[in-house]
Amino acid sequence: MAPGDFAGAAEPFELFANWLAEAERHEPNDPNAMALATVDQSGHPNVRMVLLKGVDPAGFPDRGFVFFTNYEGTKGRELLAKPYAALDFHWKSLRRQVRVRGPVTPTSAEEADAYFATRARSSQIGAWASQQSRPLESRFALEKAVAGYAAKYLVGAVPRPPYWSGFRVTPLEIEFWHSRLSRLHERIVFRRDNAHSDWTRTRLYP
């Protein structure tokens, strides 16, 4: 990428969509993978990899980055208690990174239902069987729970568990980074005061 290829972008969502589309063409595994950082009750950071499941279209009231999880797991409990998060996308083969920070809100039940319906049936059953982040006495106990829910929902659609839903990170800051020779990287950051204010764009030293 030449230095000016993204430096002139005036709006981050379109730029992100372009970068993600290129990652989908080049990254061999999970181009939608992102690191999700939260804060626990003690104020300590916590980070793990999750999958981005959507970016809201233009005109959406609180346009943001959407993912789904078990609300009773560690990240679910942390986000419900302290609803602010950071995301990091790193596409190694493209030498690109995108960092996102902003407040977090739960998705609607309708959004969660719509996405849950697209999941593989085995993943739907797994959402019922897994007591995410809690101690597991043995692999057999998990497999037994999976078998039990598979039998329970043998016929018909698998309903979404009430504790399984989504979160939306509405960005107040999005930084785009591209590797350059001699570590003189390209960095452009977009910032705004709230979800409905205009973006400002700033070039950063590497």
N, C-alpha and C. Protein backbone atom coordinates (compact mmCIF):
# COMPACT_ATOMS: atom_id res chain seq x y z
N MET A 1 0.84 -1.19 0.00
CA MET A 1 0.00 0.00 0.00
C MET A 1 0.88 1.24 0.00
N ALA A 2 0.59 2.18 -0.87
CA ALA A 2 1.30 3.45 -0.90
C ALA A 2 0.83 4.30 0.27
N PRO A 3 1.68 5.23 0.76
CA PRO A 3 1.34 6.00 1.94
C PRO A 3 0.02 6.73 1.86
N GLY A 4 -0.35 7.23 0.67
CA GLY A 4 -1.57 8.04 0.57
C GLY A 4 -2.85 7.27 0.35
N ASP A 5 -2.76 5.94 0.28
CA ASP A 5 -3.94 5.17 -0.11
C ASP A 5 -5.08 5.26 0.88
N PHE A 6 -4.81 5.44 2.15
CA PHE A 6 -5.91 5.56 3.11
C PHE A 6 -5.83 6.85 3.91
N ALA A 7 -4.76 7.61 3.75
CA ALA A 7 -4.58 8.82 4.55
C ALA A 7 -5.65 9.86 4.27
N GLY A 8 -6.25 9.83 3.09
CA GLY A 8 -7.25 10.83 2.74
C GLY A 8 -8.67 10.44 3.09
N ALA A 9 -8.87 9.25 3.68
CA ALA A 9 -10.23 8.81 4.02
C ALA A 9 -10.87 9.76 5.02
N ALA A 10 -12.13 10.12 4.75
CA ALA A 10 -12.83 11.07 5.62
C ALA A 10 -13.75 10.38 6.61
N GLU A 11 -14.00 9.09 6.43
CA GLU A 11 -14.99 8.37 7.25
C GLU A 11 -14.48 6.96 7.50
N PRO A 12 -14.43 6.50 8.75
CA PRO A 12 -13.77 5.23 9.05
C PRO A 12 -14.53 3.97 8.68
N PHE A 13 -15.85 3.99 8.69
CA PHE A 13 -16.60 2.75 8.45
C PHE A 13 -16.38 2.22 7.03
N GLU A 14 -16.38 3.11 6.06
CA GLU A 14 -16.15 2.67 4.68
C GLU A 14 -14.74 2.13 4.52
N LEU A 15 -13.78 2.81 5.14
CA LEU A 15 -12.40 2.33 5.08
C LEU A 15 -12.28 0.97 5.74
N PHE A 16 -12.93 0.78 6.91
CA PHE A 16 -12.88 -0.52 7.57
C PHE A 16 -13.49 -1.60 6.67
N ALA A 17 -14.61 -1.29 6.03
CA ALA A 17 -15.26 -2.27 5.15
C ALA A 17 -14.33 -2.68 4.02
N ASN A 18 -13.59 -1.73 3.47
CA ASN A 18 -12.65 -2.04 2.40
C ASN A 18 -11.52 -2.92 2.90
N TRP A 19 -11.00 -2.60 4.08
CA TRP A 19 -9.91 -3.41 4.63
C TRP A 19 -10.38 -4.81 4.98
N LEU A 20 -11.58 -4.92 5.55
CA LEU A 20 -12.11 -6.24 5.90
C LEU A 20 -12.34 -7.07 4.64
N ALA A 21 -12.87 -6.45 3.60
CA ALA A 21 -13.10 -7.18 2.34
C ALA A 21 -11.78 -7.70 1.77
N GLU A 22 -10.74 -6.90 1.87
CA GLU A 22 -9.45 -7.36 1.38
C GLU A 22 -8.89 -8.48 2.26
N ALA A 23 -9.11 -8.37 3.57
CA ALA A 23 -8.68 -9.44 4.47
C ALA A 23 -9.41 -10.75 4.15
N GLU A 24 -10.68 -10.65 3.81
CA GLU A 24 -11.45 -11.85 3.47
C GLU A 24 -10.90 -12.54 2.22
N ARG A 25 -10.24 -11.77 1.37
CA ARG A 25 -9.65 -12.36 0.15
C ARG A 25 -8.27 -12.95 0.40
N HIS A 26 -7.60 -12.52 1.48
CA HIS A 26 -6.21 -12.92 1.67
C HIS A 26 -5.94 -13.73 2.93
N GLU A 27 -6.68 -13.47 4.01
CA GLU A 27 -6.41 -14.18 5.26
C GLU A 27 -6.93 -15.61 5.18
N PRO A 28 -6.10 -16.60 5.50
CA PRO A 28 -6.53 -17.99 5.37
C PRO A 28 -7.54 -18.44 6.42
N ASN A 29 -7.51 -17.83 7.61
CA ASN A 29 -8.40 -18.26 8.68
C ASN A 29 -9.02 -17.05 9.39
N ASP A 30 -10.33 -17.08 9.53
CA ASP A 30 -11.08 -16.11 10.34
C ASP A 30 -10.62 -14.66 10.13
N PRO A 31 -10.83 -14.09 8.96
CA PRO A 31 -10.47 -12.68 8.76
C PRO A 31 -11.29 -11.74 9.63
N ASN A 32 -12.40 -12.24 10.18
CA ASN A 32 -13.24 -11.43 11.07
C ASN A 32 -12.88 -11.60 12.54
N ALA A 33 -11.75 -12.25 12.83
CA ALA A 33 -11.32 -12.43 14.22
C ALA A 33 -10.83 -11.10 14.78
N MET A 34 -11.14 -10.86 16.05
CA MET A 34 -10.70 -9.62 16.70
C MET A 34 -10.44 -9.89 18.16
N ALA A 35 -9.45 -9.20 18.71
CA ALA A 35 -9.20 -9.26 20.14
C ALA A 35 -10.19 -8.32 20.82
N LEU A 36 -10.84 -8.81 21.87
CA LEU A 36 -11.80 -8.03 22.64
C LEU A 36 -11.25 -7.83 24.04
N ALA A 37 -11.06 -6.57 24.42
CA ALA A 37 -10.55 -6.25 25.75
C ALA A 37 -11.66 -5.67 26.61
N THR A 38 -11.79 -6.21 27.82
CA THR A 38 -12.78 -5.75 28.79
C THR A 38 -12.06 -5.45 30.11
N VAL A 39 -12.82 -5.04 31.11
CA VAL A 39 -12.26 -4.76 32.43
C VAL A 39 -13.04 -5.54 33.48
N ASP A 40 -12.34 -6.21 34.40
CA ASP A 40 -13.03 -6.99 35.41
C ASP A 40 -13.42 -6.12 36.61
N GLN A 41 -13.99 -6.74 37.62
CA GLN A 41 -14.49 -6.00 38.77
C GLN A 41 -13.38 -5.31 39.55
N SER A 42 -12.15 -5.80 39.42
CA SER A 42 -11.02 -5.20 40.11
C SER A 42 -10.35 -4.10 39.30
N GLY A 43 -10.87 -3.86 38.10
CA GLY A 43 -10.29 -2.85 37.24
C GLY A 43 -9.13 -3.35 36.40
N HIS A 44 -8.93 -4.68 36.36
CA HIS A 44 -7.84 -5.26 35.59
C HIS A 44 -8.33 -5.62 34.19
N PRO A 45 -7.47 -5.45 33.18
CA PRO A 45 -7.88 -5.76 31.81
C PRO A 45 -7.97 -7.26 31.56
N ASN A 46 -8.80 -7.62 30.60
CA ASN A 46 -8.99 -9.00 30.21
C ASN A 46 -9.15 -9.01 28.70
N VAL A 47 -8.47 -9.91 28.00
CA VAL A 47 -8.55 -9.91 26.54
C VAL A 47 -8.66 -11.33 26.02
N ARG A 48 -9.39 -11.47 24.91
CA ARG A 48 -9.56 -12.77 24.25
C ARG A 48 -9.98 -12.53 22.81
N MET A 49 -9.90 -13.58 22.00
CA MET A 49 -10.30 -13.47 20.59
C MET A 49 -11.77 -13.86 20.45
N VAL A 50 -12.50 -13.06 19.66
CA VAL A 50 -13.88 -13.36 19.32
C VAL A 50 -14.05 -13.09 17.83
N LEU A 51 -15.24 -13.37 17.30
CA LEU A 51 -15.49 -13.16 15.88
C LEU A 51 -16.48 -12.02 15.67
N LEU A 52 -16.11 -11.08 14.84
CA LEU A 52 -17.03 -10.02 14.43
C LEU A 52 -18.13 -10.64 13.58
N LYS A 53 -19.38 -10.34 13.90
CA LYS A 53 -20.50 -10.91 13.14
C LYS A 53 -21.27 -9.87 12.34
N GLY A 54 -20.87 -8.62 12.43
CA GLY A 54 -21.52 -7.62 11.61
C GLY A 54 -21.08 -6.22 11.95
N VAL A 55 -21.13 -5.36 10.94
CA VAL A 55 -20.92 -3.92 11.13
C VAL A 55 -22.20 -3.26 10.64
N ASP A 56 -22.80 -2.45 11.46
CA ASP A 56 -24.10 -1.87 11.12
C ASP A 56 -24.01 -0.99 9.87
N PRO A 57 -25.06 -0.96 9.07
CA PRO A 57 -25.05 -0.15 7.85
C PRO A 57 -25.15 1.33 8.15
N ALA A 58 -24.82 2.14 7.17
CA ALA A 58 -24.94 3.59 7.30
C ALA A 58 -26.38 3.94 7.67
N GLY A 59 -26.52 4.88 8.59
CA GLY A 59 -27.84 5.31 9.02
C GLY A 59 -28.34 4.62 10.26
N PHE A 60 -27.67 3.55 10.69
CA PHE A 60 -28.06 2.87 11.92
C PHE A 60 -27.81 3.83 13.08
N PRO A 61 -28.76 3.98 14.03
CA PRO A 61 -28.64 5.00 15.09
C PRO A 61 -27.34 4.96 15.88
N ASP A 62 -26.94 3.76 16.30
CA ASP A 62 -25.70 3.61 17.07
C ASP A 62 -24.78 2.64 16.33
N ARG A 63 -24.46 2.99 15.13
CA ARG A 63 -23.68 2.14 14.23
C ARG A 63 -22.43 1.61 14.91
N GLY A 64 -22.20 0.31 14.82
CA GLY A 64 -21.05 -0.25 15.50
C GLY A 64 -20.69 -1.65 15.06
N PHE A 65 -19.86 -2.30 15.87
CA PHE A 65 -19.32 -3.63 15.59
C PHE A 65 -20.03 -4.64 16.50
N VAL A 66 -20.59 -5.68 15.91
CA VAL A 66 -21.47 -6.60 16.64
C VAL A 66 -20.84 -7.99 16.76
N PHE A 67 -20.94 -8.56 17.96
CA PHE A 67 -20.53 -9.94 18.20
C PHE A 67 -21.51 -10.56 19.18
N PHE A 68 -21.47 -11.88 19.29
CA PHE A 68 -22.43 -12.60 20.14
C PHE A 68 -21.69 -13.51 21.12
N THR A 69 -22.33 -13.73 22.27
CA THR A 69 -21.68 -14.52 23.31
C THR A 69 -22.68 -14.94 24.37
N ASN A 70 -22.19 -15.71 25.33
CA ASN A 70 -22.96 -16.10 26.50
C ASN A 70 -22.86 -14.98 27.54
N TYR A 71 -23.98 -14.38 27.90
CA TYR A 71 -23.96 -13.26 28.84
C TYR A 71 -23.53 -13.69 30.25
N GLU A 72 -23.57 -14.99 30.53
CA GLU A 72 -23.18 -15.48 31.84
C GLU A 72 -21.70 -15.87 31.91
N GLY A 73 -21.00 -15.81 30.77
CA GLY A 73 -19.57 -16.06 30.75
C GLY A 73 -18.81 -14.84 31.24
N THR A 74 -17.49 -14.97 31.32
CA THR A 74 -16.67 -13.89 31.87
C THR A 74 -16.83 -12.59 31.09
N LYS A 75 -16.69 -12.63 29.77
CA LYS A 75 -16.76 -11.38 29.01
C LYS A 75 -18.16 -10.79 29.05
N GLY A 76 -19.19 -11.65 29.06
CA GLY A 76 -20.55 -11.15 29.16
C GLY A 76 -20.80 -10.42 30.46
N ARG A 77 -20.37 -11.01 31.56
CA ARG A 77 -20.56 -10.39 32.87
C ARG A 77 -19.76 -9.09 32.99
N GLU A 78 -18.54 -9.10 32.44
CA GLU A 78 -17.72 -7.89 32.53
C GLU A 78 -18.31 -6.76 31.71
N LEU A 79 -18.82 -7.06 30.53
CA LEU A 79 -19.38 -6.02 29.68
C LEU A 79 -20.70 -5.48 30.24
N LEU A 80 -21.48 -6.33 30.86
CA LEU A 80 -22.72 -5.86 31.47
C LEU A 80 -22.44 -4.97 32.68
N ALA A 81 -21.35 -5.27 33.39
CA ALA A 81 -21.00 -4.48 34.57
C ALA A 81 -20.29 -3.18 34.21
N LYS A 82 -19.41 -3.25 33.21
CA LYS A 82 -18.64 -2.08 32.78
C LYS A 82 -18.68 -2.02 31.26
N PRO A 83 -19.70 -1.37 30.72
CA PRO A 83 -19.98 -1.44 29.28
C PRO A 83 -19.11 -0.54 28.41
N TYR A 84 -17.83 -0.85 28.37
CA TYR A 84 -16.90 -0.15 27.49
C TYR A 84 -15.86 -1.18 27.07
N ALA A 85 -15.44 -1.14 25.81
CA ALA A 85 -14.53 -2.18 25.33
C ALA A 85 -13.57 -1.62 24.29
N ALA A 86 -12.51 -2.39 24.05
CA ALA A 86 -11.58 -2.12 22.98
C ALA A 86 -11.48 -3.36 22.09
N LEU A 87 -11.34 -3.14 20.79
CA LEU A 87 -11.20 -4.22 19.82
C LEU A 87 -9.89 -4.03 19.07
N ASP A 88 -9.34 -5.12 18.60
CA ASP A 88 -8.15 -5.03 17.75
C ASP A 88 -8.24 -6.08 16.66
N PHE A 89 -8.18 -5.63 15.41
CA PHE A 89 -8.11 -6.51 14.25
C PHE A 89 -6.67 -6.49 13.76
N HIS A 90 -6.06 -7.66 13.58
CA HIS A 90 -4.70 -7.73 13.07
C HIS A 90 -4.67 -8.71 11.91
N TRP A 91 -4.40 -8.17 10.71
CA TRP A 91 -4.31 -9.00 9.52
C TRP A 91 -2.84 -9.10 9.14
N LYS A 92 -2.21 -10.15 9.63
CA LYS A 92 -0.76 -10.29 9.52
C LYS A 92 -0.30 -10.33 8.07
N SER A 93 -1.01 -11.05 7.21
CA SER A 93 -0.57 -11.18 5.83
C SER A 93 -0.65 -9.86 5.08
N LEU A 94 -1.50 -8.95 5.54
CA LEU A 94 -1.63 -7.63 4.91
C LEU A 94 -0.83 -6.55 5.64
N ARG A 95 -0.26 -6.92 6.81
CA ARG A 95 0.48 -5.97 7.64
C ARG A 95 -0.39 -4.77 8.01
N ARG A 96 -1.60 -5.08 8.44
CA ARG A 96 -2.54 -4.03 8.81
C ARG A 96 -3.16 -4.33 10.18
N GLN A 97 -3.55 -3.27 10.84
CA GLN A 97 -4.21 -3.39 12.14
C GLN A 97 -5.25 -2.27 12.26
N VAL A 98 -6.37 -2.61 12.91
CA VAL A 98 -7.39 -1.61 13.21
C VAL A 98 -7.74 -1.73 14.68
N ARG A 99 -7.66 -0.61 15.40
CA ARG A 99 -8.00 -0.58 16.82
C ARG A 99 -9.27 0.25 17.01
N VAL A 100 -10.17 -0.27 17.86
CA VAL A 100 -11.48 0.36 18.08
C VAL A 100 -11.71 0.49 19.58
N ARG A 101 -12.27 1.62 20.01
CA ARG A 101 -12.66 1.78 21.41
C ARG A 101 -14.01 2.49 21.47
N GLY A 102 -14.85 2.07 22.43
CA GLY A 102 -16.12 2.74 22.58
C GLY A 102 -17.05 2.05 23.56
N PRO A 103 -18.20 2.66 23.83
CA PRO A 103 -19.18 2.06 24.74
C PRO A 103 -19.85 0.84 24.11
N VAL A 104 -20.37 0.00 24.97
CA VAL A 104 -20.98 -1.27 24.55
C VAL A 104 -22.44 -1.30 25.00
N THR A 105 -23.30 -1.77 24.12
CA THR A 105 -24.72 -1.95 24.45
C THR A 105 -25.17 -3.34 23.98
N PRO A 106 -26.13 -3.95 24.67
CA PRO A 106 -26.66 -5.24 24.20
C PRO A 106 -27.42 -5.06 22.89
N THR A 107 -27.36 -6.05 22.03
CA THR A 107 -28.18 -6.04 20.84
C THR A 107 -29.63 -6.33 21.24
N SER A 108 -30.54 -6.11 20.33
CA SER A 108 -31.94 -6.43 20.60
C SER A 108 -32.14 -7.94 20.55
N ALA A 109 -33.22 -8.40 21.16
CA ALA A 109 -33.56 -9.83 21.12
C ALA A 109 -33.79 -10.27 19.67
N GLU A 110 -34.38 -9.38 18.86
CA GLU A 110 -34.64 -9.72 17.46
C GLU A 110 -33.34 -9.94 16.69
N GLU A 111 -32.34 -9.11 16.96
CA GLU A 111 -31.04 -9.29 16.30
C GLU A 111 -30.41 -10.61 16.72
N ALA A 112 -30.46 -10.89 18.01
CA ALA A 112 -29.87 -12.13 18.51
C ALA A 112 -30.58 -13.35 17.95
N ASP A 113 -31.91 -13.29 17.89
CA ASP A 113 -32.68 -14.41 17.33
C ASP A 113 -32.31 -14.65 15.86
N ALA A 114 -32.19 -13.55 15.11
CA ALA A 114 -31.90 -13.67 13.68
C ALA A 114 -30.53 -14.30 13.45
N TYR A 115 -29.53 -13.87 14.24
CA TYR A 115 -28.21 -14.46 14.06
C TYR A 115 -28.17 -15.91 14.55
N PHE A 116 -28.79 -16.17 15.71
CA PHE A 116 -28.76 -17.52 16.26
C PHE A 116 -29.35 -18.53 15.27
N ALA A 117 -30.37 -18.10 14.54
CA ALA A 117 -31.02 -18.99 13.57
C ALA A 117 -30.09 -19.37 12.42
N THR A 118 -29.04 -18.59 12.17
CA THR A 118 -28.12 -18.89 11.08
C THR A 118 -27.00 -19.83 11.51
N ARG A 119 -26.85 -20.06 12.82
CA ARG A 119 -25.75 -20.90 13.30
C ARG A 119 -26.00 -22.37 12.98
N ALA A 120 -24.92 -23.11 12.86
CA ALA A 120 -25.05 -24.55 12.67
C ALA A 120 -25.81 -25.14 13.86
N ARG A 121 -26.58 -26.18 13.61
CA ARG A 121 -27.38 -26.77 14.68
C ARG A 121 -26.50 -27.23 15.85
N SER A 122 -25.33 -27.78 15.53
CA SER A 122 -24.42 -28.23 16.59
C SER A 122 -23.96 -27.07 17.45
N SER A 123 -23.76 -25.89 16.85
CA SER A 123 -23.37 -24.72 17.62
C SER A 123 -24.53 -24.21 18.47
N GLN A 124 -25.74 -24.33 17.96
CA GLN A 124 -26.91 -23.96 18.74
C GLN A 124 -27.05 -24.84 19.97
N ILE A 125 -26.86 -26.14 19.78
CA ILE A 125 -26.91 -27.07 20.91
C ILE A 125 -25.79 -26.76 21.90
N GLY A 126 -24.60 -26.45 21.36
CA GLY A 126 -23.47 -26.13 22.21
C GLY A 126 -23.72 -24.91 23.09
N ALA A 127 -24.48 -23.94 22.57
CA ALA A 127 -24.80 -22.76 23.36
C ALA A 127 -25.63 -23.11 24.58
N TRP A 128 -26.47 -24.11 24.46
CA TRP A 128 -27.26 -24.58 25.61
C TRP A 128 -26.40 -25.40 26.57
N ALA A 129 -25.50 -26.20 26.03
CA ALA A 129 -24.76 -27.15 26.86
C ALA A 129 -23.61 -26.52 27.64
N SER A 130 -23.03 -25.44 27.11
CA SER A 130 -21.85 -24.87 27.73
C SER A 130 -22.19 -23.83 28.80
N GLN A 131 -21.72 -24.06 30.01
CA GLN A 131 -21.81 -23.06 31.07
C GLN A 131 -20.52 -22.24 31.00
N GLN A 132 -20.45 -21.39 30.02
CA GLN A 132 -19.22 -20.73 29.62
C GLN A 132 -18.44 -20.09 30.78
N SER A 133 -17.15 -20.35 30.79
CA SER A 133 -16.17 -19.79 31.74
C SER A 133 -16.24 -20.40 33.14
N ARG A 134 -17.21 -21.29 33.39
CA ARG A 134 -17.30 -21.89 34.72
C ARG A 134 -16.56 -23.23 34.77
N PRO A 135 -16.17 -23.68 35.95
CA PRO A 135 -15.40 -24.92 36.06
C PRO A 135 -16.12 -26.11 35.44
N LEU A 136 -15.36 -26.96 34.75
CA LEU A 136 -15.88 -28.16 34.09
C LEU A 136 -15.19 -29.37 34.70
N GLU A 137 -15.99 -30.26 35.28
CA GLU A 137 -15.41 -31.40 35.99
C GLU A 137 -14.72 -32.39 35.06
N SER A 138 -15.22 -32.54 33.84
CA SER A 138 -14.60 -33.46 32.89
C SER A 138 -15.17 -33.21 31.50
N ARG A 139 -14.44 -33.67 30.50
CA ARG A 139 -14.94 -33.58 29.13
C ARG A 139 -16.23 -34.38 28.97
N PHE A 140 -16.32 -35.48 29.69
CA PHE A 140 -17.52 -36.32 29.62
C PHE A 140 -18.76 -35.55 30.06
N ALA A 141 -18.60 -34.70 31.07
CA ALA A 141 -19.75 -33.92 31.56
C ALA A 141 -20.26 -32.99 30.48
N LEU A 142 -19.35 -32.39 29.71
CA LEU A 142 -19.76 -31.51 28.62
C LEU A 142 -20.45 -32.31 27.52
N GLU A 143 -19.86 -33.45 27.16
CA GLU A 143 -20.45 -34.28 26.10
C GLU A 143 -21.82 -34.82 26.51
N LYS A 144 -21.98 -35.11 27.80
CA LYS A 144 -23.28 -35.57 28.31
C LYS A 144 -24.32 -34.45 28.19
N ALA A 145 -23.91 -33.23 28.51
CA ALA A 145 -24.84 -32.10 28.40
C ALA A 145 -25.23 -31.86 26.95
N VAL A 146 -24.26 -31.98 26.04
CA VAL A 146 -24.54 -31.82 24.61
C VAL A 146 -25.55 -32.87 24.15
N ALA A 147 -25.32 -34.13 24.56
CA ALA A 147 -26.24 -35.21 24.18
C ALA A 147 -27.64 -34.97 24.73
N GLY A 148 -27.69 -34.45 25.96
CA GLY A 148 -28.99 -34.20 26.57
C GLY A 148 -29.79 -33.14 25.83
N TYR A 149 -29.13 -32.05 25.46
CA TYR A 149 -29.84 -30.98 24.74
C TYR A 149 -30.13 -31.39 23.29
N ALA A 150 -29.26 -32.20 22.70
CA ALA A 150 -29.53 -32.70 21.35
C ALA A 150 -30.80 -33.54 21.34
N ALA A 151 -30.99 -34.35 22.39
CA ALA A 151 -32.20 -35.15 22.50
C ALA A 151 -33.41 -34.27 22.77
N LYS A 152 -33.24 -33.25 23.60
CA LYS A 152 -34.35 -32.35 23.93
C LYS A 152 -34.85 -31.60 22.71
N TYR A 153 -33.90 -31.19 21.85
CA TYR A 153 -34.27 -30.43 20.66
C TYR A 153 -34.05 -31.26 19.40
N LEU A 154 -34.48 -32.51 19.48
CA LEU A 154 -34.29 -33.45 18.37
C LEU A 154 -35.08 -33.03 17.14
N VAL A 155 -36.25 -32.46 17.38
CA VAL A 155 -37.14 -32.09 16.27
C VAL A 155 -37.42 -30.59 16.32
N GLY A 156 -37.43 -29.96 15.17
CA GLY A 156 -37.78 -28.55 15.09
C GLY A 156 -36.59 -27.64 15.33
N ALA A 157 -36.87 -26.35 15.32
CA ALA A 157 -35.83 -25.34 15.49
C ALA A 157 -35.33 -25.32 16.93
N VAL A 158 -34.06 -25.03 17.09
CA VAL A 158 -33.47 -24.89 18.42
C VAL A 158 -33.66 -23.44 18.86
N PRO A 159 -34.34 -23.20 19.98
CA PRO A 159 -34.53 -21.81 20.42
C PRO A 159 -33.24 -21.21 20.96
N ARG A 160 -33.15 -19.92 20.95
CA ARG A 160 -31.98 -19.24 21.50
C ARG A 160 -32.06 -19.25 23.03
N PRO A 161 -30.96 -19.64 23.71
CA PRO A 161 -30.97 -19.58 25.17
C PRO A 161 -31.17 -18.13 25.63
N PRO A 162 -31.88 -17.92 26.71
CA PRO A 162 -32.14 -16.56 27.18
C PRO A 162 -30.89 -15.80 27.59
N TYR A 163 -29.83 -16.53 27.93
CA TYR A 163 -28.58 -15.92 28.38
C TYR A 163 -27.58 -15.72 27.23
N TRP A 164 -27.98 -16.05 26.02
CA TRP A 164 -27.08 -15.96 24.86
C TRP A 164 -27.57 -14.84 23.96
N SER A 165 -26.74 -13.84 23.74
CA SER A 165 -27.17 -12.70 22.92
C SER A 165 -25.95 -11.97 22.39
N GLY A 166 -26.13 -10.73 21.97
CA GLY A 166 -25.05 -10.00 21.34
C GLY A 166 -24.72 -8.69 22.03
N PHE A 167 -23.58 -8.14 21.64
CA PHE A 167 -23.15 -6.82 22.08
C PHE A 167 -22.77 -5.98 20.86
N ARG A 168 -22.95 -4.70 21.00
CA ARG A 168 -22.56 -3.76 19.95
C ARG A 168 -21.56 -2.77 20.53
N VAL A 169 -20.39 -2.68 19.94
CA VAL A 169 -19.40 -1.68 20.33
C VAL A 169 -19.58 -0.48 19.39
N THR A 170 -20.02 0.63 19.94
CA THR A 170 -20.22 1.85 19.15
C THR A 170 -18.94 2.68 19.26
N PRO A 171 -18.16 2.77 18.20
CA PRO A 171 -16.83 3.36 18.33
C PRO A 171 -16.83 4.88 18.50
N LEU A 172 -15.98 5.32 19.41
CA LEU A 172 -15.67 6.74 19.53
C LEU A 172 -14.26 7.01 19.02
N GLU A 173 -13.52 5.93 18.80
CA GLU A 173 -12.16 6.03 18.27
C GLU A 173 -11.85 4.81 17.42
N ILE A 174 -11.35 5.04 16.21
CA ILE A 174 -10.92 3.95 15.31
C ILE A 174 -9.58 4.35 14.72
N GLU A 175 -8.58 3.52 14.95
CA GLU A 175 -7.25 3.79 14.41
C GLU A 175 -6.85 2.75 13.37
N PHE A 176 -6.37 3.23 12.24
CA PHE A 176 -5.89 2.37 11.16
C PHE A 176 -4.36 2.43 11.12
N TRP A 177 -3.75 1.27 11.05
CA TRP A 177 -2.29 1.16 11.06
C TRP A 177 -1.85 0.28 9.91
N HIS A 178 -0.83 0.73 9.20
CA HIS A 178 -0.26 -0.10 8.13
C HIS A 178 1.25 -0.08 8.23
N SER A 179 1.84 -1.27 8.17
CA SER A 179 3.28 -1.41 8.31
C SER A 179 4.01 -0.76 7.14
N ARG A 180 5.14 -0.07 7.47
CA ARG A 180 5.98 0.54 6.46
C ARG A 180 7.44 0.19 6.75
N LEU A 181 8.30 0.40 5.78
CA LEU A 181 9.71 0.10 5.95
C LEU A 181 10.32 0.92 7.08
N SER A 182 11.30 0.32 7.73
CA SER A 182 12.05 0.97 8.81
C SER A 182 11.16 1.36 10.00
N ARG A 183 10.03 0.68 10.10
CA ARG A 183 9.06 0.92 11.17
C ARG A 183 8.49 2.34 11.14
N LEU A 184 8.50 2.95 9.98
CA LEU A 184 7.90 4.27 9.80
C LEU A 184 6.47 4.07 9.32
N HIS A 185 5.66 3.50 10.20
CA HIS A 185 4.33 3.04 9.84
C HIS A 185 3.36 4.19 9.57
N GLU A 186 2.31 3.87 8.83
CA GLU A 186 1.22 4.80 8.60
C GLU A 186 0.17 4.61 9.70
N ARG A 187 -0.22 5.71 10.36
CA ARG A 187 -1.26 5.64 11.39
C ARG A 187 -2.22 6.81 11.21
N ILE A 188 -3.49 6.49 11.09
CA ILE A 188 -4.54 7.50 11.01
C ILE A 188 -5.59 7.16 12.06
N VAL A 189 -5.96 8.11 12.91
CA VAL A 189 -6.98 7.85 13.93
C VAL A 189 -8.17 8.79 13.72
N PHE A 190 -9.36 8.20 13.82
CA PHE A 190 -10.62 8.93 13.76
C PHE A 190 -11.20 8.99 15.17
N ARG A 191 -11.65 10.17 15.58
CA ARG A 191 -12.25 10.31 16.91
C ARG A 191 -13.52 11.15 16.81
N ARG A 192 -14.43 10.93 17.77
CA ARG A 192 -15.65 11.74 17.89
C ARG A 192 -16.09 11.73 19.34
N ASP A 193 -16.93 12.70 19.69
CA ASP A 193 -17.37 12.83 21.09
C ASP A 193 -18.47 11.84 21.45
N ASN A 194 -19.35 11.54 20.49
CA ASN A 194 -20.43 10.59 20.72
C ASN A 194 -20.85 9.99 19.40
N ALA A 195 -21.80 9.07 19.47
CA ALA A 195 -22.19 8.31 18.28
C ALA A 195 -22.83 9.15 17.19
N HIS A 196 -23.23 10.37 17.52
CA HIS A 196 -23.95 11.19 16.55
C HIS A 196 -23.18 12.45 16.15
N SER A 197 -21.94 12.57 16.61
CA SER A 197 -21.12 13.72 16.25
C SER A 197 -20.21 13.38 15.08
N ASP A 198 -19.63 14.41 14.48
CA ASP A 198 -18.76 14.20 13.33
C ASP A 198 -17.40 13.66 13.76
N TRP A 199 -16.76 12.97 12.82
CA TRP A 199 -15.43 12.43 13.07
C TRP A 199 -14.36 13.50 12.83
N THR A 200 -13.31 13.46 13.61
CA THR A 200 -12.09 14.20 13.29
C THR A 200 -11.04 13.17 12.93
N ARG A 201 -10.12 13.57 12.07
CA ARG A 201 -9.08 12.64 11.60
C ARG A 201 -7.71 13.23 11.90
N THR A 202 -6.82 12.40 12.45
CA THR A 202 -5.50 12.86 12.81
C THR A 202 -4.46 11.84 12.37
N ARG A 203 -3.40 12.32 11.75
CA ARG A 203 -2.28 11.44 11.45
C ARG A 203 -1.38 11.37 12.69
N LEU A 204 -0.88 10.18 13.01
CA LEU A 204 -0.03 9.97 14.18
C LEU A 204 1.37 9.58 13.78
N TYR A 205 2.33 9.99 14.61
CA TYR A 205 3.68 9.44 14.44
C TYR A 205 3.64 7.93 14.62
N PRO A 206 4.54 7.20 13.97
CA PRO A 206 4.56 5.75 14.17
C PRO A 206 4.93 5.36 15.60
